[in-house]
Amino acid sequence: MSDFVQWVTHGVKRGKLEMNSRIALRLSALVVVLTLVAALYLVLVSRTAAQGRHIQQLEAELFRLQRENEQLEVELAGESSVSRLWERAIELGFVPVEDVDFVRPLDEGPSAEEP
């Protein structure tokens, strides 16, 4: 070995990894906790993304229903116009009234003002 390699490795013990059991236990617990935190984070992110997609679908459906409602309102306005109602009444066989007779209910009787 060269002097440089010997100088660099003079304090390194080969083949031995000395670790205190307390340190190993703490390190293992830290790894487990970090893994659980990462898993929880992934679950939350995936739920949030799924809810976001659901909200987008609901907004698209709301927009579609609003357009459909507006179209129905336009159709209703056209069908309930006076000219359309007049045409429909004629189609159904109704005729304009020429002479109107009013019928008085029986419980009122003749009024005192009438001769």
Protein backbone atom coordinates (compact mmCIF):
# COMPACT_ATOMS: atom_id res chain seq x y z
CA MET A 1 0.00 0.00 0.00
CA SER A 2 1.02 3.49 -0.70
CA ASP A 3 1.69 5.93 2.06
CA PHE A 4 -1.34 7.98 1.08
CA VAL A 5 -3.78 5.05 1.28
CA GLN A 6 -2.25 3.99 4.56
CA TRP A 7 -2.56 7.53 5.91
CA VAL A 8 -6.26 7.74 4.85
CA THR A 9 -7.24 4.33 6.23
CA HIS A 10 -5.10 4.26 9.37
CA GLY A 11 -8.06 4.91 11.70
CA VAL A 12 -10.65 2.77 9.93
CA LYS A 13 -11.52 -0.56 11.43
CA ARG A 14 -12.25 -3.12 8.79
CA GLY A 15 -15.17 -5.51 8.88
CA LYS A 16 -16.65 -4.27 12.10
CA LEU A 17 -19.74 -2.15 12.33
CA GLU A 18 -20.09 -1.34 15.93
CA MET A 19 -23.48 0.10 16.80
CA ASN A 20 -25.05 0.48 20.14
CA SER A 21 -28.35 -1.40 20.50
CA ARG A 22 -30.09 1.78 21.70
CA ILE A 23 -28.97 3.65 18.61
CA ALA A 24 -30.11 0.80 16.37
CA LEU A 25 -33.54 0.73 18.07
CA ARG A 26 -33.95 4.50 17.77
CA LEU A 27 -32.89 4.42 14.13
CA SER A 28 -35.37 1.61 13.40
CA ALA A 29 -38.17 3.50 15.15
CA LEU A 30 -37.32 6.62 13.17
CA VAL A 31 -37.47 4.68 9.90
CA VAL A 32 -40.85 3.19 10.86
CA VAL A 33 -42.28 6.59 11.84
CA LEU A 34 -41.02 8.21 8.65
CA THR A 35 -42.53 5.38 6.60
CA LEU A 36 -45.89 5.79 8.34
CA VAL A 37 -45.85 9.55 7.82
CA ALA A 38 -45.03 9.09 4.13
CA ALA A 39 -47.82 6.52 3.72
CA LEU A 40 -50.32 8.79 5.47
CA TYR A 41 -49.26 11.68 3.25
CA LEU A 42 -49.78 9.58 0.11
CA VAL A 43 -53.23 8.48 1.29
CA LEU A 44 -54.26 12.07 1.98
CA VAL A 45 -52.94 13.29 -1.36
CA SER A 46 -54.75 10.55 -3.27
CA ARG A 47 -58.04 11.26 -1.45
CA THR A 48 -57.68 14.96 -2.14
CA ALA A 49 -57.05 14.29 -5.83
CA ALA A 50 -60.07 11.97 -6.01
CA GLN A 51 -62.29 14.57 -4.33
CA GLY A 52 -60.99 17.22 -6.72
CA ARG A 53 -61.94 15.06 -9.71
CA HIS A 54 -65.39 14.46 -8.18
CA ILE A 55 -65.88 18.20 -7.67
CA GLN A 56 -64.93 18.85 -11.30
CA GLN A 57 -67.47 16.27 -12.45
CA LEU A 58 -70.17 17.86 -10.29
CA GLU A 59 -69.34 21.32 -11.62
CA ALA A 60 -69.56 20.04 -15.21
CA GLU A 61 -72.93 18.44 -14.47
CA LEU A 62 -74.13 21.66 -12.81
CA PHE A 63 -73.13 23.67 -15.89
CA ARG A 64 -74.91 21.19 -18.18
CA LEU A 65 -78.08 21.31 -16.08
CA GLN A 66 -78.02 25.11 -16.01
CA ARG A 67 -77.82 25.22 -19.81
CA GLU A 68 -80.64 22.67 -20.07
CA ASN A 69 -82.75 24.71 -17.63
CA GLU A 70 -82.19 27.88 -19.66
CA GLN A 71 -83.23 26.04 -22.83
CA LEU A 72 -86.39 24.79 -21.14
CA GLU A 73 -87.21 28.31 -19.94
CA VAL A 74 -86.90 29.57 -23.53
CA GLU A 75 -89.20 26.78 -24.74
CA LEU A 76 -91.70 27.53 -21.96
CA ALA A 77 -91.74 31.22 -22.83
CA GLY A 78 -92.44 30.36 -26.47
CA GLU A 79 -95.19 27.89 -25.62
CA SER A 80 -96.92 30.20 -23.15
CA SER A 81 -97.04 33.27 -25.38
CA VAL A 82 -100.53 34.64 -26.06
CA SER A 83 -100.32 33.95 -29.79
CA ARG A 84 -99.29 30.33 -29.22
CA LEU A 85 -102.05 29.82 -26.61
CA TRP A 86 -104.60 31.30 -29.04
CA GLU A 87 -103.45 28.91 -31.80
CA ARG A 88 -103.61 25.95 -29.44
CA ALA A 89 -107.13 26.88 -28.27
CA ILE A 90 -108.34 27.00 -31.88
CA GLU A 91 -106.66 23.60 -32.55
CA LEU A 92 -108.57 22.16 -29.60
CA GLY A 93 -111.86 23.49 -30.93
CA PHE A 94 -112.43 26.46 -28.67
CA VAL A 95 -114.21 29.47 -30.18
CA PRO A 96 -114.42 33.10 -29.08
CA VAL A 97 -117.37 33.95 -26.85
CA GLU A 98 -120.01 36.16 -28.40
CA ASP A 99 -122.60 36.50 -25.64
CA VAL A 100 -121.68 36.01 -21.99
CA ASP A 101 -124.34 35.01 -19.46
CA PHE A 102 -123.38 35.21 -15.80
CA VAL A 103 -125.00 32.80 -13.38
CA ARG A 104 -125.58 33.92 -9.82
CA PRO A 105 -125.04 31.37 -7.04
CA LEU A 106 -128.22 30.20 -5.26
CA ASP A 107 -127.21 31.27 -1.77
CA GLU A 108 -126.91 34.95 -2.68
CA GLY A 109 -130.48 35.43 -3.96
CA PRO A 110 -131.70 38.67 -5.45
CA SER A 111 -130.06 41.75 -4.12
CA ALA A 112 -132.05 44.52 -2.47
CA GLU A 113 -130.70 47.05 -4.93
CA GLU A 114 -132.17 45.32 -7.97
CA PRO A 115 -135.82 46.20 -8.87
